[in-house]
Amino acid sequence: MADSWLRDGLVWTLVLYVVAMVALAPWGELGPPQSGGSDPHPLEPADGYQHHNTTVRFTWSHLVVNYELQVTNSTGDVVASQNLTDESSYQTRRLMPDDYIWVVSYLPVDGAPAEAIATSAFSLESSAKQLLEWDAVGVSYDFRLLPVPGAEPVRELAGTPALKADVEGLDEGVEYWWQVRAHDSQGHTTVWSLPRSIEVGTTQFLAFEVFSEWELALLLVGMILVVALQAGVFLAREEHE
């Protein structure tokens, strides 16, 4: 009886140990990557990622386009002022009969002063809302893959509207660095994003992403002991019966 209690106690102790190790692991680090600076910035793969294949898909964040809209009446009073993001139209609130002028300014991606990209006038004979429309500023992206930061790129993709690049034929076991930047249709360009590294053609056990080496070793030992003790308890009970 004492041996049985001892075995069961050891089993439950090891079970609780394994559960605690799993619960305390930083699983949150496997979630979506945090922002790597101003847009556009790299999203996937994460910095330092080890990829099992020599074909890799790189993705990056969308660069928002910001506008300022202002509507003035015949006396020069501002009747509408709005900051807009990724829009190419705006409907005003109901305005009184009058003559109006509206201006849309674009806030360049490189931080340059605002630029007026659309202006027009309209008149209302009666109280009404007015729909204002303009041509949206376009955005494209450049991608480059480097052997080391600052070196000449080994792969490039220029002027793509997509938020991804599929790169094939990379060398196994080699570490690369990658960056992105954006252009707008007004001739402005962002700086290159901070470089991220990736090693391709390798395999990495998932547990190494969330446990340190000694934690992983203890976890595996604990799991093996749990299985062994459970088997011993089962066999002992079989012999007893």
C-alpha atoms as a PDB file:
ATOM      1  CA  MET A   1       0.000   0.000   0.000  1.00  0.00           C
ATOM      2  CA  ALA A   2       2.786   2.420   0.895  1.00  0.00           C
ATOM      3  CA  ASP A   3       4.568   1.671  -2.384  1.00  0.00           C
ATOM      4  CA  SER A   4       1.361   2.363  -4.308  1.00  0.00           C
ATOM      5  CA  TRP A   5       0.878   5.717  -2.600  1.00  0.00           C
ATOM      6  CA  LEU A   6       4.500   6.616  -3.261  1.00  0.00           C
ATOM      7  CA  ARG A   7       4.246   5.742  -6.949  1.00  0.00           C
ATOM      8  CA  ASP A   8       1.004   7.685  -7.355  1.00  0.00           C
ATOM      9  CA  GLY A   9       2.490  10.658  -5.540  1.00  0.00           C
ATOM     10  CA  LEU A  10       5.539  10.698  -7.809  1.00  0.00           C
ATOM     11  CA  VAL A  11       3.367  10.436 -10.912  1.00  0.00           C
ATOM     12  CA  TRP A  12       1.145  13.338  -9.889  1.00  0.00           C
ATOM     13  CA  THR A  13       4.160  15.436  -8.894  1.00  0.00           C
ATOM     14  CA  LEU A  14       5.739  14.945 -12.300  1.00  0.00           C
ATOM     15  CA  VAL A  15       2.434  15.557 -14.071  1.00  0.00           C
ATOM     16  CA  LEU A  16       2.028  18.875 -12.234  1.00  0.00           C
ATOM     17  CA  TYR A  17       5.651  19.735 -13.073  1.00  0.00           C
ATOM     18  CA  VAL A  18       5.106  19.174 -16.799  1.00  0.00           C
ATOM     19  CA  VAL A  19       1.834  21.116 -16.771  1.00  0.00           C
ATOM     20  CA  ALA A  20       3.516  24.018 -14.977  1.00  0.00           C
ATOM     21  CA  MET A  21       6.401  24.078 -17.473  1.00  0.00           C
ATOM     22  CA  VAL A  22       3.966  24.212 -20.389  1.00  0.00           C
ATOM     23  CA  ALA A  23       1.792  26.857 -18.719  1.00  0.00           C
ATOM     24  CA  LEU A  24       4.761  29.113 -17.909  1.00  0.00           C
ATOM     25  CA  ALA A  25       6.249  28.948 -21.418  1.00  0.00           C
ATOM     26  CA  PRO A  26       6.094  32.264 -23.320  1.00  0.00           C
ATOM     27  CA  TRP A  27       3.533  31.081 -25.863  1.00  0.00           C
ATOM     28  CA  GLY A  28       2.658  34.718 -26.615  1.00  0.00           C
ATOM     29  CA  GLU A  29       5.933  35.045 -28.477  1.00  0.00           C
ATOM     30  CA  LEU A  30       4.525  32.752 -31.171  1.00  0.00           C
ATOM     31  CA  GLY A  31       1.704  35.200 -31.890  1.00  0.00           C
ATOM     32  CA  PRO A  32       1.623  37.889 -34.559  1.00  0.00           C
ATOM     33  CA  PRO A  33       4.864  39.851 -34.674  1.00  0.00           C
ATOM     34  CA  GLN A  34       4.993  43.271 -33.113  1.00  0.00           C
ATOM     35  CA  SER A  35       5.430  46.363 -35.182  1.00  0.00           C
ATOM     36  CA  GLY A  36       8.990  46.719 -36.438  1.00  0.00           C
ATOM     37  CA  GLY A  37       8.897  50.510 -36.725  1.00  0.00           C
ATOM     38  CA  SER A  38       7.153  52.885 -39.125  1.00  0.00           C
ATOM     39  CA  ASP A  39       5.192  51.539 -42.093  1.00  0.00           C
ATOM     40  CA  PRO A  40       5.891  49.690 -44.177  1.00  0.00           C
ATOM     41  CA  HIS A  41       7.707  47.227 -41.931  1.00  0.00           C
ATOM     42  CA  PRO A  42       8.376  43.473 -42.175  1.00  0.00           C
ATOM     43  CA  LEU A  43       5.733  41.127 -40.762  1.00  0.00           C
ATOM     44  CA  GLU A  44       6.636  37.543 -41.634  1.00  0.00           C
ATOM     45  CA  PRO A  45       8.959  35.719 -41.232  1.00  0.00           C
ATOM     46  CA  ALA A  46       9.861  36.960 -37.762  1.00  0.00           C
ATOM     47  CA  ASP A  47      13.356  38.264 -37.106  1.00  0.00           C
ATOM     48  CA  GLY A  48      15.823  35.390 -36.733  1.00  0.00           C
ATOM     49  CA  TYR A  49      13.350  32.810 -38.037  1.00  0.00           C
ATOM     50  CA  GLN A  50      14.722  29.489 -39.226  1.00  0.00           C
ATOM     51  CA  HIS A  51      12.815  28.179 -42.225  1.00  0.00           C
ATOM     52  CA  HIS A  52      12.860  24.534 -43.311  1.00  0.00           C
ATOM     53  CA  ASN A  53      12.439  25.301 -47.010  1.00  0.00           C
ATOM     54  CA  THR A  54      14.497  27.262 -49.520  1.00  0.00           C
ATOM     55  CA  THR A  55      11.324  28.953 -50.810  1.00  0.00           C
ATOM     56  CA  VAL A  56      10.116  31.703 -48.495  1.00  0.00           C
ATOM     57  CA  ARG A  57       7.146  34.087 -48.542  1.00  0.00           C
ATOM     58  CA  PHE A  58       7.941  37.522 -47.121  1.00  0.00           C
ATOM     59  CA  THR A  59       5.094  39.824 -46.059  1.00  0.00           C
ATOM     60  CA  TRP A  60       5.007  43.413 -44.860  1.00  0.00           C
ATOM     61  CA  SER A  61       2.595  45.982 -43.487  1.00  0.00           C
ATOM     62  CA  HIS A  62       0.310  48.225 -45.513  1.00  0.00           C
ATOM     63  CA  LEU A  63       1.274  51.894 -45.774  1.00  0.00           C
ATOM     64  CA  VAL A  64      -1.726  54.099 -45.026  1.00  0.00           C
ATOM     65  CA  VAL A  65      -2.389  57.205 -47.119  1.00  0.00           C
ATOM     66  CA  ASN A  66      -3.503  60.257 -45.153  1.00  0.00           C
ATOM     67  CA  TYR A  67      -5.446  63.263 -46.432  1.00  0.00           C
ATOM     68  CA  GLU A  68      -6.722  66.542 -45.067  1.00  0.00           C
ATOM     69  CA  LEU A  69     -10.006  67.881 -46.447  1.00  0.00           C
ATOM     70  CA  GLN A  70     -11.375  71.403 -45.981  1.00  0.00           C
ATOM     71  CA  VAL A  71     -14.588  72.992 -47.266  1.00  0.00           C
ATOM     72  CA  THR A  72     -15.166  76.761 -47.091  1.00  0.00           C
ATOM     73  CA  ASN A  73     -18.256  78.823 -47.924  1.00  0.00           C
ATOM     74  CA  SER A  74     -18.552  82.077 -49.889  1.00  0.00           C
ATOM     75  CA  THR A  75     -17.445  84.166 -46.889  1.00  0.00           C
ATOM     76  CA  GLY A  76     -14.305  82.051 -46.321  1.00  0.00           C
ATOM     77  CA  ASP A  77     -15.615  80.288 -43.224  1.00  0.00           C
ATOM     78  CA  VAL A  78     -14.571  76.636 -42.833  1.00  0.00           C
ATOM     79  CA  VAL A  79     -17.722  74.528 -42.789  1.00  0.00           C
ATOM     80  CA  ALA A  80     -15.992  71.116 -42.898  1.00  0.00           C
ATOM     81  CA  SER A  81     -12.513  69.956 -41.928  1.00  0.00           C
ATOM     82  CA  GLN A  82     -11.618  66.291 -41.857  1.00  0.00           C
ATOM     83  CA  ASN A  83      -8.583  64.020 -41.627  1.00  0.00           C
ATOM     84  CA  LEU A  84      -9.048  60.938 -43.809  1.00  0.00           C
ATOM     85  CA  THR A  85      -7.136  57.689 -44.229  1.00  0.00           C
ATOM     86  CA  ASP A  86      -7.161  55.536 -47.380  1.00  0.00           C
ATOM     87  CA  GLU A  87     -10.231  57.335 -48.727  1.00  0.00           C
ATOM     88  CA  SER A  88     -11.002  58.878 -52.115  1.00  0.00           C
ATOM     89  CA  SER A  89     -14.390  60.381 -51.325  1.00  0.00           C
ATOM     90  CA  TYR A  90     -16.188  62.208 -48.537  1.00  0.00           C
ATOM     91  CA  GLN A  91     -19.816  63.158 -48.000  1.00  0.00           C
ATOM     92  CA  THR A  92     -20.378  66.392 -46.127  1.00  0.00           C
ATOM     93  CA  ARG A  93     -23.056  66.972 -43.551  1.00  0.00           C
ATOM     94  CA  ARG A  94     -26.102  68.897 -44.713  1.00  0.00           C
ATOM     95  CA  LEU A  95     -24.986  72.361 -45.835  1.00  0.00           C
ATOM     96  CA  MET A  96     -26.946  75.563 -46.264  1.00  0.00           C
ATOM     97  CA  PRO A  97     -27.565  77.069 -49.765  1.00  0.00           C
ATOM     98  CA  ASP A  98     -24.324  78.807 -50.751  1.00  0.00           C
ATOM     99  CA  ASP A  99     -21.222  78.612 -52.942  1.00  0.00           C
ATOM    100  CA  TYR A 100     -18.447  76.353 -51.637  1.00  0.00           C
ATOM    101  CA  ILE A 101     -14.811  75.534 -52.378  1.00  0.00           C
ATOM    102  CA  TRP A 102     -13.173  72.315 -51.227  1.00  0.00           C
ATOM    103  CA  VAL A 103      -9.510  71.284 -51.123  1.00  0.00           C
ATOM    104  CA  VAL A 104      -7.956  67.879 -50.449  1.00  0.00           C
ATOM    105  CA  SER A 105      -4.318  67.832 -49.323  1.00  0.00           C
ATOM    106  CA  TYR A 106      -2.121  64.752 -49.240  1.00  0.00           C
ATOM    107  CA  LEU A 107       0.332  64.093 -46.403  1.00  0.00           C
ATOM    108  CA  PRO A 108       3.390  62.545 -48.120  1.00  0.00           C
ATOM    109  CA  VAL A 109       4.806  59.253 -46.877  1.00  0.00           C
ATOM    110  CA  ASP A 110       8.260  60.763 -46.349  1.00  0.00           C
ATOM    111  CA  GLY A 111       7.052  63.476 -43.970  1.00  0.00           C
ATOM    112  CA  ALA A 112       7.212  66.311 -46.523  1.00  0.00           C
ATOM    113  CA  PRO A 113       4.723  69.230 -46.220  1.00  0.00           C
ATOM    114  CA  ALA A 114       1.133  68.592 -47.274  1.00  0.00           C
ATOM    115  CA  GLU A 115       0.359  68.878 -50.975  1.00  0.00           C
ATOM    116  CA  ALA A 116      -2.980  69.951 -52.466  1.00  0.00           C
ATOM    117  CA  ILE A 117      -4.007  67.190 -54.891  1.00  0.00           C
ATOM    118  CA  ALA A 118      -7.627  68.153 -55.611  1.00  0.00           C
ATOM    119  CA  THR A 119      -9.683  71.336 -55.460  1.00  0.00           C
ATOM    120  CA  SER A 120     -13.084  72.243 -56.837  1.00  0.00           C
ATOM    121  CA  ALA A 121     -16.209  74.298 -56.232  1.00  0.00           C
ATOM    122  CA  PHE A 122     -19.915  73.551 -55.978  1.00  0.00           C
ATOM    123  CA  SER A 123     -23.101  75.463 -55.311  1.00  0.00           C
ATOM    124  CA  LEU A 124     -26.232  74.449 -53.437  1.00  0.00           C
ATOM    125  CA  GLU A 125     -29.642  75.934 -54.238  1.00  0.00           C
ATOM    126  CA  SER A 126     -31.151  74.251 -51.202  1.00  0.00           C
ATOM    127  CA  SER A 127     -29.912  72.598 -48.024  1.00  0.00           C
ATOM    128  CA  ALA A 128     -28.238  69.302 -48.949  1.00  0.00           C
ATOM    129  CA  LYS A 129     -25.277  66.997 -48.474  1.00  0.00           C
ATOM    130  CA  GLN A 130     -22.488  66.974 -51.034  1.00  0.00           C
ATOM    131  CA  LEU A 131     -20.332  64.043 -52.170  1.00  0.00           C
ATOM    132  CA  LEU A 132     -16.712  65.002 -52.856  1.00  0.00           C
ATOM    133  CA  GLU A 133     -14.453  62.666 -54.839  1.00  0.00           C
ATOM    134  CA  TRP A 134     -10.795  62.710 -55.899  1.00  0.00           C
ATOM    135  CA  ASP A 135      -8.128  60.414 -57.344  1.00  0.00           C
ATOM    136  CA  ALA A 136      -6.481  58.390 -54.606  1.00  0.00           C
ATOM    137  CA  VAL A 137      -2.706  58.484 -54.199  1.00  0.00           C
ATOM    138  CA  GLY A 138      -1.214  55.154 -55.226  1.00  0.00           C
ATOM    139  CA  VAL A 139       1.362  53.225 -53.191  1.00  0.00           C
ATOM    140  CA  SER A 140       3.845  50.578 -54.328  1.00  0.00           C
ATOM    141  CA  TYR A 141       6.590  48.706 -52.512  1.00  0.00           C
ATOM    142  CA  ASP A 142      10.228  47.696 -52.967  1.00  0.00           C
ATOM    143  CA  PHE A 143      11.640  44.508 -51.418  1.00  0.00           C
ATOM    144  CA  ARG A 144      15.272  43.465 -51.186  1.00  0.00           C
ATOM    145  CA  LEU A 145      17.115  40.451 -49.769  1.00  0.00           C
ATOM    146  CA  LEU A 146      20.694  40.960 -48.613  1.00  0.00           C
ATOM    147  CA  PRO A 147      23.554  38.586 -47.695  1.00  0.00           C
ATOM    148  CA  VAL A 148      24.511  41.046 -44.930  1.00  0.00           C
ATOM    149  CA  PRO A 149      23.066  44.456 -44.002  1.00  0.00           C
ATOM    150  CA  GLY A 150      24.398  47.152 -46.319  1.00  0.00           C
ATOM    151  CA  ALA A 151      25.564  44.744 -49.038  1.00  0.00           C
ATOM    152  CA  GLU A 152      24.269  44.485 -52.592  1.00  0.00           C
ATOM    153  CA  PRO A 153      20.938  42.611 -52.707  1.00  0.00           C
ATOM    154  CA  VAL A 154      20.761  39.038 -53.978  1.00  0.00           C
ATOM    155  CA  ARG A 155      17.023  39.351 -54.703  1.00  0.00           C
ATOM    156  CA  GLU A 156      14.940  42.442 -55.477  1.00  0.00           C
ATOM    157  CA  LEU A 157      11.342  43.277 -56.246  1.00  0.00           C
ATOM    158  CA  ALA A 158      10.538  46.855 -57.232  1.00  0.00           C
ATOM    159  CA  GLY A 159       7.274  48.739 -57.574  1.00  0.00           C
ATOM    160  CA  THR A 160       4.907  45.952 -56.553  1.00  0.00           C
ATOM    161  CA  PRO A 161       1.423  46.840 -55.250  1.00  0.00           C
ATOM    162  CA  ALA A 162       1.323  43.538 -53.329  1.00  0.00           C
ATOM    163  CA  LEU A 163       2.211  43.122 -49.666  1.00  0.00           C
ATOM    164  CA  LYS A 164       4.253  39.976 -50.225  1.00  0.00           C
ATOM    165  CA  ALA A 165       7.174  38.526 -52.141  1.00  0.00           C
ATOM    166  CA  ASP A 166       7.720  34.814 -52.829  1.00  0.00           C
ATOM    167  CA  VAL A 167      11.428  34.061 -53.158  1.00  0.00           C
ATOM    168  CA  GLU A 168      12.715  30.720 -54.456  1.00  0.00           C
ATOM    169  CA  GLY A 169      16.090  29.031 -54.790  1.00  0.00           C
ATOM    170  CA  LEU A 170      17.765  30.369 -51.660  1.00  0.00           C
ATOM    171  CA  ASP A 171      20.924  28.653 -50.423  1.00  0.00           C
ATOM    172  CA  GLU A 172      20.473  26.151 -47.614  1.00  0.00           C
ATOM    173  CA  GLY A 173      21.918  27.004 -44.225  1.00  0.00           C
ATOM    174  CA  VAL A 174      22.544  30.630 -45.221  1.00  0.00           C
ATOM    175  CA  GLU A 175      21.405  33.645 -43.236  1.00  0.00           C
ATOM    176  CA  TYR A 176      19.806  36.482 -45.205  1.00  0.00           C
ATOM    177  CA  TRP A 177      18.558  39.945 -44.285  1.00  0.00           C
ATOM    178  CA  TRP A 178      15.520  41.636 -45.809  1.00  0.00           C
ATOM    179  CA  GLN A 179      13.958  45.105 -45.980  1.00  0.00           C
ATOM    180  CA  VAL A 180      11.010  46.930 -47.550  1.00  0.00           C
ATOM    181  CA  ARG A 181      10.138  50.506 -48.429  1.00  0.00           C
ATOM    182  CA  ALA A 182       7.247  52.320 -50.128  1.00  0.00           C
ATOM    183  CA  HIS A 183       6.732  54.809 -52.945  1.00  0.00           C
ATOM    184  CA  ASP A 184       3.689  56.957 -53.605  1.00  0.00           C
ATOM    185  CA  SER A 185       2.401  58.184 -56.969  1.00  0.00           C
ATOM    186  CA  GLN A 186       3.424  61.738 -56.019  1.00  0.00           C
ATOM    187  CA  GLY A 187       7.121  60.855 -56.140  1.00  0.00           C
ATOM    188  CA  HIS A 188       7.801  60.401 -52.424  1.00  0.00           C
ATOM    189  CA  THR A 189       9.677  57.404 -50.950  1.00  0.00           C
ATOM    190  CA  THR A 190      10.040  56.116 -47.403  1.00  0.00           C
ATOM    191  CA  VAL A 191      13.352  55.003 -45.953  1.00  0.00           C
ATOM    192  CA  TRP A 192      14.177  51.298 -45.929  1.00  0.00           C
ATOM    193  CA  SER A 193      12.770  49.411 -42.959  1.00  0.00           C
ATOM    194  CA  LEU A 194      15.042  48.001 -40.274  1.00  0.00           C
ATOM    195  CA  PRO A 195      16.608  44.743 -41.571  1.00  0.00           C
ATOM    196  CA  ARG A 196      15.345  41.374 -40.408  1.00  0.00           C
ATOM    197  CA  SER A 197      17.251  38.120 -40.626  1.00  0.00           C
ATOM    198  CA  ILE A 198      16.151  34.675 -41.749  1.00  0.00           C
ATOM    199  CA  GLU A 199      18.022  31.392 -42.115  1.00  0.00           C
ATOM    200  CA  VAL A 200      16.695  28.964 -44.709  1.00  0.00           C
ATOM    201  CA  GLY A 201      17.112  25.254 -45.333  1.00  0.00           C
ATOM    202  CA  THR A 202      17.129  24.410 -41.622  1.00  0.00           C
ATOM    203  CA  THR A 203      14.775  22.620 -39.280  1.00  0.00           C
ATOM    204  CA  GLN A 204      13.959  23.771 -35.801  1.00  0.00           C
ATOM    205  CA  PHE A 205      11.889  21.960 -33.218  1.00  0.00           C
ATOM    206  CA  LEU A 206       8.973  24.176 -32.182  1.00  0.00           C
ATOM    207  CA  ALA A 207       9.791  23.810 -28.495  1.00  0.00           C
ATOM    208  CA  PHE A 208      13.074  25.650 -28.999  1.00  0.00           C
ATOM    209  CA  GLU A 209      11.014  28.715 -29.947  1.00  0.00           C
ATOM    210  CA  VAL A 210       9.341  28.876 -26.535  1.00  0.00           C
ATOM    211  CA  PHE A 211      11.726  27.106 -24.140  1.00  0.00           C
ATOM    212  CA  SER A 212      15.381  27.621 -23.402  1.00  0.00           C
ATOM    213  CA  GLU A 213      17.626  24.583 -23.899  1.00  0.00           C
ATOM    214  CA  TRP A 214      17.723  23.602 -20.224  1.00  0.00           C
ATOM    215  CA  GLU A 215      13.965  24.103 -19.847  1.00  0.00           C
ATOM    216  CA  LEU A 216      13.335  21.887 -22.850  1.00  0.00           C
ATOM    217  CA  ALA A 217      15.613  19.186 -21.464  1.00  0.00           C
ATOM    218  CA  LEU A 218      13.847  19.205 -18.095  1.00  0.00           C
ATOM    219  CA  LEU A 219      10.460  19.151 -19.774  1.00  0.00           C
ATOM    220  CA  LEU A 220      11.345  16.143 -21.914  1.00  0.00           C
ATOM    221  CA  VAL A 221      12.849  14.303 -18.933  1.00  0.00           C
ATOM    222  CA  GLY A 222       9.705  15.005 -16.935  1.00  0.00           C
ATOM    223  CA  MET A 223       7.453  13.685 -19.693  1.00  0.00           C
ATOM    224  CA  ILE A 224       9.542  10.530 -20.049  1.00  0.00           C
ATOM    225  CA  LEU A 225       9.438   9.906 -16.299  1.00  0.00           C
ATOM    226  CA  VAL A 226       5.667  10.429 -16.239  1.00  0.00           C
ATOM    227  CA  VAL A 227       5.202   7.824 -18.969  1.00  0.00           C
ATOM    228  CA  ALA A 228       7.621   5.407 -17.290  1.00  0.00           C
ATOM    229  CA  LEU A 229       5.993   5.736 -13.864  1.00  0.00           C
ATOM    230  CA  GLN A 230       2.509   5.386 -15.312  1.00  0.00           C
ATOM    231  CA  ALA A 231       3.603   2.201 -17.039  1.00  0.00           C
ATOM    232  CA  GLY A 232       5.165   0.936 -13.792  1.00  0.00           C
ATOM    233  CA  VAL A 233       1.994   1.688 -11.821  1.00  0.00           C
ATOM    234  CA  PHE A 234      -0.114  -0.105 -14.443  1.00  0.00           C
ATOM    235  CA  LEU A 235       2.130  -3.188 -14.398  1.00  0.00           C
ATOM    236  CA  ALA A 236       2.250  -3.264 -10.606  1.00  0.00           C
ATOM    237  CA  ARG A 237      -1.537  -3.168 -10.360  1.00  0.00           C
ATOM    238  CA  GLU A 238      -1.823  -5.895 -12.974  1.00  0.00           C
ATOM    239  CA  GLU A 239       0.522  -8.139 -10.945  1.00  0.00           C
ATOM    240  CA  HIS A 240      -1.366  -7.339  -7.728  1.00  0.00           C
ATOM    241  CA  GLU A 241      -4.670  -8.373  -9.279  1.00  0.00           C
END
